[in-house]
């Protein structure tokens, strides 16, 4: 049975130099990685629009965020889309269908 599994799955190499683990990690300044976070905005109870508006106010720095430095606000770069939460909600109202389910996902928030 073990030989059959090895034929299907192959041999696992536990050498840390080949799989990125162990004590041979690069120093902190030399590491290269990316982070992608996806969040659904909307959901139960019909609070989807309010969750969307709250996320927009937070992301666009229209409300205080304890982890954000206010002096860096002018460094934000808007690549596309609405520049204020109010503009975002107007855009959502224009694009949304007439009838939206109470448990619908109103938007997907990507953070890279």
PDB file of N, CA and C in Angstrom:
ATOM      1  N   UNK A   1       0.830  -1.201   0.000  1.00  0.00           N
ATOM      2  CA  UNK A   1       0.000   0.000   0.000  1.00  0.00           C
ATOM      3  C   UNK A   1       0.867   1.253   0.000  1.00  0.00           C
ATOM      4  N   UNK A   2       1.937   1.249   0.771  1.00  0.00           N
ATOM      5  CA  UNK A   2       2.813   2.412   0.821  1.00  0.00           C
ATOM      6  C   UNK A   2       3.457   2.674  -0.532  1.00  0.00           C
ATOM      7  N   UNK A   3       3.869   1.620  -1.214  1.00  0.00           N
ATOM      8  CA  UNK A   3       4.477   1.793  -2.537  1.00  0.00           C
ATOM      9  C   UNK A   3       3.484   2.370  -3.537  1.00  0.00           C
ATOM     10  N   UNK A   4       2.210   1.958  -3.446  1.00  0.00           N
ATOM     11  CA  UNK A   4       1.182   2.482  -4.350  1.00  0.00           C
ATOM     12  C   UNK A   4       0.970   3.973  -4.105  1.00  0.00           C
ATOM     13  N   UNK A   5       0.963   4.394  -2.830  1.00  0.00           N
ATOM     14  CA  UNK A   5       0.793   5.808  -2.509  1.00  0.00           C
ATOM     15  C   UNK A   5       1.979   6.625  -3.017  1.00  0.00           C
ATOM     16  N   UNK A   6       3.185   6.097  -2.884  1.00  0.00           N
ATOM     17  CA  UNK A   6       4.369   6.806  -3.371  1.00  0.00           C
ATOM     18  C   UNK A   6       4.333   6.969  -4.882  1.00  0.00           C
ATOM     19  N   UNK A   7       3.800   5.948  -5.580  1.00  0.00           N
ATOM     20  CA  UNK A   7       3.708   6.051  -7.033  1.00  0.00           C
ATOM     21  C   UNK A   7       2.756   7.164  -7.449  1.00  0.00           C
ATOM     22  N   UNK A   8       1.651   7.305  -6.697  1.00  0.00           N
ATOM     23  CA  UNK A   8       0.650   8.317  -7.036  1.00  0.00           C
ATOM     24  C   UNK A   8       1.094   9.704  -6.578  1.00  0.00           C
ATOM     25  N   UNK A   9       1.546   9.808  -5.337  1.00  0.00           N
ATOM     26  CA  UNK A   9       1.852  11.107  -4.745  1.00  0.00           C
ATOM     27  C   UNK A   9       3.299  11.536  -4.918  1.00  0.00           C
ATOM     28  N   UNK A  10       4.188  10.604  -5.166  1.00  0.00           N
ATOM     29  CA  UNK A  10       5.596  10.949  -5.276  1.00  0.00           C
ATOM     30  C   UNK A  10       6.267  10.958  -3.914  1.00  0.00           C
ATOM     31  N   UNK A  11       7.544  11.176  -3.903  1.00  0.00           N
ATOM     32  CA  UNK A  11       8.324  11.204  -2.674  1.00  0.00           C
ATOM     33  C   UNK A  11       8.345  12.621  -2.119  1.00  0.00           C
ATOM     34  N   UNK A  12       8.136  12.776  -0.833  1.00  0.00           N
ATOM     35  CA  UNK A  12       8.184  14.084  -0.188  1.00  0.00           C
ATOM     36  C   UNK A  12       9.617  14.353   0.238  1.00  0.00           C
ATOM     37  N   UNK A  13      10.164  15.474  -0.184  1.00  0.00           N
ATOM     38  CA  UNK A  13      11.534  15.839   0.154  1.00  0.00           C
ATOM     39  C   UNK A  13      11.504  16.762   1.368  1.00  0.00           C
ATOM     40  N   UNK A  14      12.101  16.341   2.470  1.00  0.00           N
ATOM     41  CA  UNK A  14      12.060  17.140   3.694  1.00  0.00           C
ATOM     42  C   UNK A  14      13.302  18.006   3.872  1.00  0.00           C
ATOM     43  N   UNK A  15      14.108  18.154   2.852  1.00  0.00           N
ATOM     44  CA  UNK A  15      15.288  18.999   2.922  1.00  0.00           C
ATOM     45  C   UNK A  15      14.842  20.466   2.957  1.00  0.00           C
ATOM     46  N   UNK A  16      15.137  21.214   4.053  1.00  0.00           N
ATOM     47  CA  UNK A  16      14.653  22.599   4.164  1.00  0.00           C
ATOM     48  C   UNK A  16      15.209  23.517   3.090  1.00  0.00           C
ATOM     49  N   UNK A  17      16.326  23.164   2.484  1.00  0.00           N
ATOM     50  CA  UNK A  17      16.872  24.013   1.424  1.00  0.00           C
ATOM     51  C   UNK A  17      16.012  23.957   0.172  1.00  0.00           C
ATOM     52  N   UNK A  18      15.182  22.921   0.047  1.00  0.00           N
ATOM     53  CA  UNK A  18      14.357  22.762  -1.160  1.00  0.00           C
ATOM     54  C   UNK A  18      12.916  23.209  -0.957  1.00  0.00           C
ATOM     55  N   UNK A  19      12.426  23.189   0.274  1.00  0.00           N
ATOM     56  CA  UNK A  19      11.014  23.541   0.471  1.00  0.00           C
ATOM     57  C   UNK A  19      10.818  24.856   1.225  1.00  0.00           C
ATOM     58  N   UNK A  20      11.868  25.602   1.474  1.00  0.00           N
ATOM     59  CA  UNK A  20      11.725  26.938   2.056  1.00  0.00           C
ATOM     60  C   UNK A  20      11.581  26.975   3.554  1.00  0.00           C
ATOM     61  N   UNK A  21      11.646  25.873   4.241  1.00  0.00           N
ATOM     62  CA  UNK A  21      11.496  25.872   5.689  1.00  0.00           C
ATOM     63  C   UNK A  21      12.826  25.768   6.398  1.00  0.00           C
ATOM     64  N   UNK A  22      12.761  25.603   7.683  1.00  0.00           N
ATOM     65  CA  UNK A  22      13.962  25.361   8.466  1.00  0.00           C
ATOM     66  C   UNK A  22      14.760  26.618   8.755  1.00  0.00           C
ATOM     67  N   UNK A  23      15.991  26.430   9.147  1.00  0.00           N
ATOM     68  CA  UNK A  23      16.832  27.545   9.585  1.00  0.00           C
ATOM     69  C   UNK A  23      17.501  28.270   8.421  1.00  0.00           C
ATOM     70  N   UNK A  24      17.232  27.890   7.209  1.00  0.00           N
ATOM     71  CA  UNK A  24      17.893  28.512   6.069  1.00  0.00           C
ATOM     72  C   UNK A  24      17.046  29.616   5.442  1.00  0.00           C
ATOM     73  N   UNK A  25      16.157  30.233   6.241  1.00  0.00           N
ATOM     74  CA  UNK A  25      15.333  31.328   5.725  1.00  0.00           C
ATOM     75  C   UNK A  25      16.187  32.552   5.467  1.00  0.00           C
ATOM     76  N   UNK A  26      15.753  33.334   4.516  1.00  0.00           N
ATOM     77  CA  UNK A  26      16.455  34.583   4.216  1.00  0.00           C
ATOM     78  C   UNK A  26      16.258  35.561   5.374  1.00  0.00           C
ATOM     79  N   UNK A  27      17.178  36.498   5.573  1.00  0.00           N
ATOM     80  CA  UNK A  27      16.981  37.541   6.594  1.00  0.00           C
ATOM     81  C   UNK A  27      15.754  38.382   6.263  1.00  0.00           C
ATOM     82  N   UNK A  28      15.185  39.027   7.259  1.00  0.00           N
ATOM     83  CA  UNK A  28      13.929  39.766   7.101  1.00  0.00           C
ATOM     84  C   UNK A  28      13.950  40.775   5.959  1.00  0.00           C
ATOM     85  N   UNK A  29      14.995  41.510   5.783  1.00  0.00           N
ATOM     86  CA  UNK A  29      15.035  42.516   4.735  1.00  0.00           C
ATOM     87  C   UNK A  29      15.088  41.943   3.331  1.00  0.00           C
ATOM     88  N   UNK A  30      15.422  40.679   3.198  1.00  0.00           N
ATOM     89  CA  UNK A  30      15.564  40.059   1.881  1.00  0.00           C
ATOM     90  C   UNK A  30      14.359  39.211   1.482  1.00  0.00           C
ATOM     91  N   UNK A  31      13.410  39.035   2.379  1.00  0.00           N
ATOM     92  CA  UNK A  31      12.243  38.197   2.073  1.00  0.00           C
ATOM     93  C   UNK A  31      11.315  38.925   1.122  1.00  0.00           C
ATOM     94  N   UNK A  32      10.731  38.181   0.204  1.00  0.00           N
ATOM     95  CA  UNK A  32       9.783  38.746  -0.752  1.00  0.00           C
ATOM     96  C   UNK A  32       8.505  37.933  -0.682  1.00  0.00           C
ATOM     97  N   UNK A  33       7.411  38.591  -0.399  1.00  0.00           N
ATOM     98  CA  UNK A  33       6.137  37.896  -0.310  1.00  0.00           C
ATOM     99  C   UNK A  33       5.014  38.891  -0.556  1.00  0.00           C
ATOM    100  N   UNK A  34       3.850  38.378  -0.787  1.00  0.00           N
ATOM    101  CA  UNK A  34       2.676  39.201  -0.980  1.00  0.00           C
ATOM    102  C   UNK A  34       1.538  38.685  -0.116  1.00  0.00           C
ATOM    103  N   UNK A  35       0.599  39.562   0.161  1.00  0.00           N
ATOM    104  CA  UNK A  35      -0.565  39.189   0.974  1.00  0.00           C
ATOM    105  C   UNK A  35      -1.810  39.579   0.197  1.00  0.00           C
ATOM    106  N   UNK A  36      -2.770  38.679   0.140  1.00  0.00           N
ATOM    107  CA  UNK A  36      -4.064  38.947  -0.478  1.00  0.00           C
ATOM    108  C   UNK A  36      -5.135  38.573   0.534  1.00  0.00           C
ATOM    109  N   UNK A  37      -6.011  39.530   0.840  1.00  0.00           N
ATOM    110  CA  UNK A  37      -7.120  39.263   1.743  1.00  0.00           C
ATOM    111  C   UNK A  37      -8.411  39.574   1.006  1.00  0.00           C
ATOM    112  N   UNK A  38      -9.374  38.683   1.120  1.00  0.00           N
ATOM    113  CA  UNK A  38     -10.673  38.856   0.476  1.00  0.00           C
ATOM    114  C   UNK A  38     -11.746  38.822   1.547  1.00  0.00           C
ATOM    115  N   UNK A  39     -12.635  39.803   1.527  1.00  0.00           N
ATOM    116  CA  UNK A  39     -13.732  39.866   2.482  1.00  0.00           C
ATOM    117  C   UNK A  39     -15.030  40.113   1.725  1.00  0.00           C
ATOM    118  N   UNK A  40     -16.070  39.373   2.099  1.00  0.00           N
ATOM    119  CA  UNK A  40     -17.394  39.617   1.538  1.00  0.00           C
ATOM    120  C   UNK A  40     -18.072  40.693   2.377  1.00  0.00           C
ATOM    121  N   UNK A  41     -18.634  41.692   1.718  1.00  0.00           N
ATOM    122  CA  UNK A  41     -19.364  42.747   2.416  1.00  0.00           C
ATOM    123  C   UNK A  41     -20.848  42.546   2.135  1.00  0.00           C
ATOM    124  N   UNK A  42     -21.597  42.345   3.177  1.00  0.00           N
ATOM    125  CA  UNK A  42     -23.029  42.083   3.063  1.00  0.00           C
ATOM    126  C   UNK A  42     -23.377  40.969   4.019  1.00  0.00           C
ATOM    127  N   UNK A  43     -24.486  40.342   3.776  1.00  0.00           N
ATOM    128  CA  UNK A  43     -24.810  39.169   4.580  1.00  0.00           C
ATOM    129  C   UNK A  43     -26.129  39.268   5.300  1.00  0.00           C
ATOM    130  N   UNK A  44     -26.219  38.537   6.396  1.00  0.00           N
ATOM    131  CA  UNK A  44     -27.478  38.328   7.120  1.00  0.00           C
ATOM    132  C   UNK A  44     -28.051  39.619   7.683  1.00  0.00           C
ATOM    133  N   UNK A  45     -29.361  39.664   7.761  1.00  0.00           N
ATOM    134  CA  UNK A  45     -30.048  40.743   8.442  1.00  0.00           C
ATOM    135  C   UNK A  45     -30.278  42.003   7.630  1.00  0.00           C
ATOM    136  N   UNK A  46     -29.872  42.037   6.375  1.00  0.00           N
ATOM    137  CA  UNK A  46     -30.117  43.208   5.559  1.00  0.00           C
ATOM    138  C   UNK A  46     -29.216  44.389   5.855  1.00  0.00           C
ATOM    139  N   UNK A  47     -28.058  44.142   6.459  1.00  0.00           N
ATOM    140  CA  UNK A  47     -27.136  45.225   6.795  1.00  0.00           C
ATOM    141  C   UNK A  47     -26.025  45.387   5.763  1.00  0.00           C
ATOM    142  N   UNK A  48     -26.198  44.838   4.583  1.00  0.00           N
ATOM    143  CA  UNK A  48     -25.156  44.840   3.575  1.00  0.00           C
ATOM    144  C   UNK A  48     -24.714  46.219   3.144  1.00  0.00           C
ATOM    145  N   UNK A  49     -25.675  47.117   2.899  1.00  0.00           N
ATOM    146  CA  UNK A  49     -25.318  48.463   2.464  1.00  0.00           C
ATOM    147  C   UNK A  49     -24.578  49.223   3.556  1.00  0.00           C
ATOM    148  N   UNK A  50     -24.970  49.040   4.793  1.00  0.00           N
ATOM    149  CA  UNK A  50     -24.288  49.752   5.877  1.00  0.00           C
ATOM    150  C   UNK A  50     -22.875  49.213   6.076  1.00  0.00           C
ATOM    151  N   UNK A  51     -22.694  47.888   5.894  1.00  0.00           N
ATOM    152  CA  UNK A  51     -21.341  47.317   5.982  1.00  0.00           C
ATOM    153  C   UNK A  51     -20.465  47.827   4.850  1.00  0.00           C
ATOM    154  N   UNK A  52     -21.049  47.955   3.671  1.00  0.00           N
ATOM    155  CA  UNK A  52     -20.319  48.477   2.521  1.00  0.00           C
ATOM    156  C   UNK A  52     -19.913  49.929   2.753  1.00  0.00           C
ATOM    157  N   UNK A  53     -20.825  50.732   3.252  1.00  0.00           N
ATOM    158  CA  UNK A  53     -20.526  52.139   3.516  1.00  0.00           C
ATOM    159  C   UNK A  53     -19.474  52.280   4.613  1.00  0.00           C
ATOM    160  N   UNK A  54     -19.568  51.470   5.658  1.00  0.00           N
ATOM    161  CA  UNK A  54     -18.582  51.535   6.748  1.00  0.00           C
ATOM    162  C   UNK A  54     -17.197  51.137   6.259  1.00  0.00           C
ATOM    163  N   UNK A  55     -17.121  50.108   5.434  1.00  0.00           N
ATOM    164  CA  UNK A  55     -15.824  49.686   4.883  1.00  0.00           C
ATOM    165  C   UNK A  55     -15.254  50.775   3.984  1.00  0.00           C
ATOM    166  N   UNK A  56     -16.096  51.425   3.201  1.00  0.00           N
ATOM    167  CA  UNK A  56     -15.632  52.498   2.316  1.00  0.00           C
ATOM    168  C   UNK A  56     -15.109  53.677   3.129  1.00  0.00           C
ATOM    169  N   UNK A  57     -15.829  54.051   4.202  1.00  0.00           N
ATOM    170  CA  UNK A  57     -15.360  55.159   5.046  1.00  0.00           C
ATOM    171  C   UNK A  57     -14.018  54.824   5.695  1.00  0.00           C
ATOM    172  N   UNK A  58     -13.855  53.574   6.097  1.00  0.00           N
ATOM    173  CA  UNK A  58     -12.586  53.150   6.702  1.00  0.00           C
ATOM    174  C   UNK A  58     -11.461  53.161   5.666  1.00  0.00           C
ATOM    175  N   UNK A  59     -11.684  52.533   4.521  1.00  0.00           N
ATOM    176  CA  UNK A  59     -10.637  52.407   3.501  1.00  0.00           C
ATOM    177  C   UNK A  59     -10.249  53.742   2.885  1.00  0.00           C
ATOM    178  N   UNK A  60     -11.211  54.640   2.769  1.00  0.00           N
ATOM    179  CA  UNK A  60     -10.938  55.955   2.185  1.00  0.00           C
ATOM    180  C   UNK A  60     -10.542  56.974   3.251  1.00  0.00           C
ATOM    181  N   UNK A  61     -10.341  56.524   4.473  1.00  0.00           N
ATOM    182  CA  UNK A  61      -9.873  57.338   5.598  1.00  0.00           C
ATOM    183  C   UNK A  61     -10.803  58.507   5.906  1.00  0.00           C
ATOM    184  N   UNK A  62     -12.109  58.272   5.783  1.00  0.00           N
ATOM    185  CA  UNK A  62     -13.076  59.301   6.137  1.00  0.00           C
ATOM    186  C   UNK A  62     -13.452  59.217   7.607  1.00  0.00           C
ATOM    187  N   UNK A  63     -13.045  58.172   8.272  1.00  0.00           N
ATOM    188  CA  UNK A  63     -13.237  58.070   9.714  1.00  0.00           C
ATOM    189  C   UNK A  63     -11.895  57.673  10.317  1.00  0.00           C
ATOM    190  N   UNK A  64     -11.749  57.918  11.594  1.00  0.00           N
ATOM    191  CA  UNK A  64     -10.479  57.623  12.257  1.00  0.00           C
ATOM    192  C   UNK A  64     -10.241  56.122  12.313  1.00  0.00           C
ATOM    193  N   UNK A  65      -9.046  55.741  11.938  1.00  0.00           N
ATOM    194  CA  UNK A  65      -8.611  54.350  12.046  1.00  0.00           C
ATOM    195  C   UNK A  65      -7.404  54.338  12.982  1.00  0.00           C
ATOM    196  N   UNK A  66      -7.462  53.594  14.072  1.00  0.00           N
ATOM    197  CA  UNK A  66      -6.385  53.647  15.061  1.00  0.00           C
ATOM    198  C   UNK A  66      -5.023  53.191  14.522  1.00  0.00           C
ATOM    199  N   UNK A  67      -5.020  52.405  13.458  1.00  0.00           N
ATOM    200  CA  UNK A  67      -3.751  51.905  12.921  1.00  0.00           C
ATOM    201  C   UNK A  67      -3.238  52.736  11.748  1.00  0.00           C
ATOM    202  N   UNK A  68      -3.879  53.863  11.445  1.00  0.00           N
ATOM    203  CA  UNK A  68      -3.468  54.697  10.307  1.00  0.00           C
ATOM    204  C   UNK A  68      -2.941  56.039  10.812  1.00  0.00           C
ATOM    205  N   UNK A  69      -1.881  56.491  10.184  1.00  0.00           N
ATOM    206  CA  UNK A  69      -1.300  57.774  10.557  1.00  0.00           C
ATOM    207  C   UNK A  69      -1.948  58.882   9.733  1.00  0.00           C
ATOM    208  N   UNK A  70      -2.593  59.849  10.383  1.00  0.00           N
ATOM    209  CA  UNK A  70      -3.296  60.910   9.651  1.00  0.00           C
ATOM    210  C   UNK A  70      -2.377  61.727   8.744  1.00  0.00           C
ATOM    211  N   UNK A  71      -1.111  61.880   9.122  1.00  0.00           N
ATOM    212  CA  UNK A  71      -0.197  62.683   8.303  1.00  0.00           C
ATOM    213  C   UNK A  71       0.128  62.021   6.966  1.00  0.00           C
ATOM    214  N   UNK A  72      -0.161  60.733   6.820  1.00  0.00           N
ATOM    215  CA  UNK A  72       0.100  60.032   5.565  1.00  0.00           C
ATOM    216  C   UNK A  72      -1.109  59.998   4.637  1.00  0.00           C
ATOM    217  N   UNK A  73      -2.208  60.598   5.041  1.00  0.00           N
ATOM    218  CA  UNK A  73      -3.430  60.540   4.238  1.00  0.00           C
ATOM    219  C   UNK A  73      -3.234  61.133   2.848  1.00  0.00           C
ATOM    220  N   UNK A  74      -2.433  62.176   2.741  1.00  0.00           N
ATOM    221  CA  UNK A  74      -2.210  62.822   1.449  1.00  0.00           C
ATOM    222  C   UNK A  74      -1.393  61.953   0.502  1.00  0.00           C
ATOM    223  N   UNK A  75      -0.796  60.890   1.000  1.00  0.00           N
ATOM    224  CA  UNK A  75       0.009  60.011   0.160  1.00  0.00           C
ATOM    225  C   UNK A  75      -0.824  58.922  -0.514  1.00  0.00           C
ATOM    226  N   UNK A  76      -2.116  58.818  -0.168  1.00  0.00           N
ATOM    227  CA  UNK A  76      -2.979  57.802  -0.785  1.00  0.00           C
ATOM    228  C   UNK A  76      -3.083  58.064  -2.286  1.00  0.00           C
ATOM    229  N   UNK A  77      -3.103  56.984  -3.055  1.00  0.00           N
ATOM    230  CA  UNK A  77      -3.225  57.081  -4.504  1.00  0.00           C
ATOM    231  C   UNK A  77      -4.503  56.354  -4.914  1.00  0.00           C
ATOM    232  N   UNK A  78      -5.384  57.036  -5.621  1.00  0.00           N
ATOM    233  CA  UNK A  78      -6.624  56.432  -6.091  1.00  0.00           C
ATOM    234  C   UNK A  78      -6.420  56.014  -7.541  1.00  0.00           C
ATOM    235  N   UNK A  79      -6.420  54.730  -7.779  1.00  0.00           N
ATOM    236  CA  UNK A  79      -6.186  54.236  -9.134  1.00  0.00           C
ATOM    237  C   UNK A  79      -7.441  54.299  -9.991  1.00  0.00           C
ATOM    238  N   UNK A  80      -8.572  53.970  -9.394  1.00  0.00           N
ATOM    239  CA  UNK A  80      -9.823  53.969 -10.148  1.00  0.00           C
ATOM    240  C   UNK A  80     -10.975  53.974  -9.154  1.00  0.00           C
ATOM    241  N   UNK A  81     -12.132  54.343  -9.636  1.00  0.00           N
ATOM    242  CA  UNK A  81     -13.324  54.256  -8.810  1.00  0.00           C
ATOM    243  C   UNK A  81     -13.597  55.510  -8.001  1.00  0.00           C
ATOM    244  N   UNK A  82     -14.511  55.361  -7.047  1.00  0.00           N
ATOM    245  CA  UNK A  82     -14.960  56.483  -6.233  1.00  0.00           C
ATOM    246  C   UNK A  82     -13.866  56.941  -5.273  1.00  0.00           C
ATOM    247  N   UNK A  83     -13.861  58.248  -5.015  1.00  0.00           N
ATOM    248  CA  UNK A  83     -12.878  58.807  -4.092  1.00  0.00           C
ATOM    249  C   UNK A  83     -13.475  59.103  -2.721  1.00  0.00           C
ATOM    250  N   UNK A  84     -14.790  58.993  -2.605  1.00  0.00           N
ATOM    251  CA  UNK A  84     -15.459  59.174  -1.312  1.00  0.00           C
ATOM    252  C   UNK A  84     -16.464  58.048  -1.114  1.00  0.00           C
ATOM    253  N   UNK A  85     -16.824  57.820   0.141  1.00  0.00           N
ATOM    254  CA  UNK A  85     -17.801  56.768   0.452  1.00  0.00           C
ATOM    255  C   UNK A  85     -19.170  57.112  -0.141  1.00  0.00           C
ATOM    256  N   UNK A  86     -19.515  58.388  -0.141  1.00  0.00           N
ATOM    257  CA  UNK A  86     -20.807  58.806  -0.709  1.00  0.00           C
ATOM    258  C   UNK A  86     -20.855  58.504  -2.205  1.00  0.00           C
ATOM    259  N   UNK A  87     -19.752  58.788  -2.921  1.00  0.00           N
ATOM    260  CA  UNK A  87     -19.691  58.487  -4.357  1.00  0.00           C
ATOM    261  C   UNK A  87     -19.782  56.983  -4.607  1.00  0.00           C
ATOM    262  N   UNK A  88     -19.139  56.216  -3.741  1.00  0.00           N
ATOM    263  CA  UNK A  88     -19.197  54.757  -3.883  1.00  0.00           C
ATOM    264  C   UNK A  88     -20.619  54.241  -3.715  1.00  0.00           C
ATOM    265  N   UNK A  89     -21.338  54.773  -2.733  1.00  0.00           N
ATOM    266  CA  UNK A  89     -22.703  54.313  -2.503  1.00  0.00           C
ATOM    267  C   UNK A  89     -23.626  54.728  -3.654  1.00  0.00           C
ATOM    268  N   UNK A  90     -23.401  55.898  -4.233  1.00  0.00           N
ATOM    269  CA  UNK A  90     -24.189  56.308  -5.404  1.00  0.00           C
ATOM    270  C   UNK A  90     -23.934  55.354  -6.574  1.00  0.00           C
ATOM    271  N   UNK A  91     -22.674  55.018  -6.768  1.00  0.00           N
ATOM    272  CA  UNK A  91     -22.313  54.087  -7.833  1.00  0.00           C
ATOM    273  C   UNK A  91     -22.940  52.718  -7.593  1.00  0.00           C
ATOM    274  N   UNK A  92     -22.924  52.265  -6.351  1.00  0.00           N
ATOM    275  CA  UNK A  92     -23.525  50.962  -6.027  1.00  0.00           C
ATOM    276  C   UNK A  92     -25.027  50.991  -6.317  1.00  0.00           C
ATOM    277  N   UNK A  93     -25.697  52.082  -5.939  1.00  0.00           N
ATOM    278  CA  UNK A  93     -27.147  52.201  -6.182  1.00  0.00           C
ATOM    279  C   UNK A  93     -27.458  52.158  -7.676  1.00  0.00           C
ATOM    280  N   UNK A  94     -26.602  52.761  -8.498  1.00  0.00           N
ATOM    281  CA  UNK A  94     -26.819  52.762  -9.945  1.00  0.00           C
ATOM    282  C   UNK A  94     -26.645  51.378 -10.550  1.00  0.00           C
ATOM    283  N   UNK A  95     -25.702  50.619 -10.035  1.00  0.00           N
ATOM    284  CA  UNK A  95     -25.364  49.330 -10.627  1.00  0.00           C
ATOM    285  C   UNK A  95     -26.125  48.147 -10.021  1.00  0.00           C
ATOM    286  N   UNK A  96     -26.653  48.304  -8.831  1.00  0.00           N
ATOM    287  CA  UNK A  96     -27.340  47.198  -8.150  1.00  0.00           C
ATOM    288  C   UNK A  96     -28.688  46.913  -8.811  1.00  0.00           C
ATOM    289  N   UNK A  97     -29.134  45.664  -8.753  1.00  0.00           N
ATOM    290  CA  UNK A  97     -30.476  45.353  -9.270  1.00  0.00           C
ATOM    291  C   UNK A  97     -31.547  46.006  -8.399  1.00  0.00           C
ATOM    292  N   UNK A  98     -32.775  46.065  -8.938  1.00  0.00           N
ATOM    293  CA  UNK A  98     -33.870  46.683  -8.188  1.00  0.00           C
ATOM    294  C   UNK A  98     -34.121  45.992  -6.865  1.00  0.00           C
ATOM    295  N   UNK A  99     -34.108  44.684  -6.898  1.00  0.00           N
ATOM    296  CA  UNK A  99     -34.401  43.917  -5.693  1.00  0.00           C
ATOM    297  C   UNK A  99     -33.141  43.165  -5.285  1.00  0.00           C
ATOM    298  N   UNK A 100     -32.717  43.348  -4.039  1.00  0.00           N
ATOM    299  CA  UNK A 100     -31.520  42.691  -3.519  1.00  0.00           C
ATOM    300  C   UNK A 100     -31.918  41.850  -2.317  1.00  0.00           C
ATOM    301  N   UNK A 101     -31.482  40.611  -2.318  1.00  0.00           N
ATOM    302  CA  UNK A 101     -31.802  39.717  -1.190  1.00  0.00           C
ATOM    303  C   UNK A 101     -31.201  40.253   0.102  1.00  0.00           C
ATOM    304  N   UNK A 102     -31.820  39.940   1.219  1.00  0.00           N
ATOM    305  CA  UNK A 102     -31.324  40.435   2.509  1.00  0.00           C
ATOM    306  C   UNK A 102     -29.995  39.788   2.883  1.00  0.00           C
ATOM    307  N   UNK A 103     -29.738  38.592   2.363  1.00  0.00           N
ATOM    308  CA  UNK A 103     -28.474  37.923   2.694  1.00  0.00           C
ATOM    309  C   UNK A 103     -27.469  37.988   1.542  1.00  0.00           C
ATOM    310  N   UNK A 104     -27.678  38.916   0.626  1.00  0.00           N
ATOM    311  CA  UNK A 104     -26.797  39.016  -0.556  1.00  0.00           C
ATOM    312  C   UNK A 104     -25.437  39.594  -0.189  1.00  0.00           C
ATOM    313  N   UNK A 105     -24.439  39.192  -0.930  1.00  0.00           N
ATOM    314  CA  UNK A 105     -23.121  39.800  -0.832  1.00  0.00           C
ATOM    315  C   UNK A 105     -23.155  41.031  -1.729  1.00  0.00           C
ATOM    316  N   UNK A 106     -22.943  42.202  -1.126  1.00  0.00           N
ATOM    317  CA  UNK A 106     -23.044  43.441  -1.881  1.00  0.00           C
ATOM    318  C   UNK A 106     -21.759  43.815  -2.594  1.00  0.00           C
ATOM    319  N   UNK A 107     -20.640  43.385  -2.055  1.00  0.00           N
ATOM    320  CA  UNK A 107     -19.347  43.711  -2.673  1.00  0.00           C
ATOM    321  C   UNK A 107     -18.282  42.758  -2.146  1.00  0.00           C
ATOM    322  N   UNK A 108     -17.184  42.680  -2.871  1.00  0.00           N
ATOM    323  CA  UNK A 108     -16.011  41.940  -2.420  1.00  0.00           C
ATOM    324  C   UNK A 108     -14.892  42.946  -2.199  1.00  0.00           C
ATOM    325  N   UNK A 109     -14.271  42.868  -1.049  1.00  0.00           N
ATOM    326  CA  UNK A 109     -13.185  43.785  -0.719  1.00  0.00           C
ATOM    327  C   UNK A 109     -11.860  43.018  -0.815  1.00  0.00           C
ATOM    328  N   UNK A 110     -10.992  43.487  -1.698  1.00  0.00           N
ATOM    329  CA  UNK A 110      -9.672  42.902  -1.863  1.00  0.00           C
ATOM    330  C   UNK A 110      -8.634  43.833  -1.271  1.00  0.00           C
ATOM    331  N   UNK A 111      -7.756  43.297  -0.468  1.00  0.00           N
ATOM    332  CA  UNK A 111      -6.628  44.063   0.052  1.00  0.00           C
ATOM    333  C   UNK A 111      -5.365  43.342  -0.370  1.00  0.00           C
ATOM    334  N   UNK A 112      -4.507  44.037  -1.092  1.00  0.00           N
ATOM    335  CA  UNK A 112      -3.244  43.470  -1.545  1.00  0.00           C
ATOM    336  C   UNK A 112      -2.105  44.104  -0.798  1.00  0.00           C
TER     337      UNK A 112
END
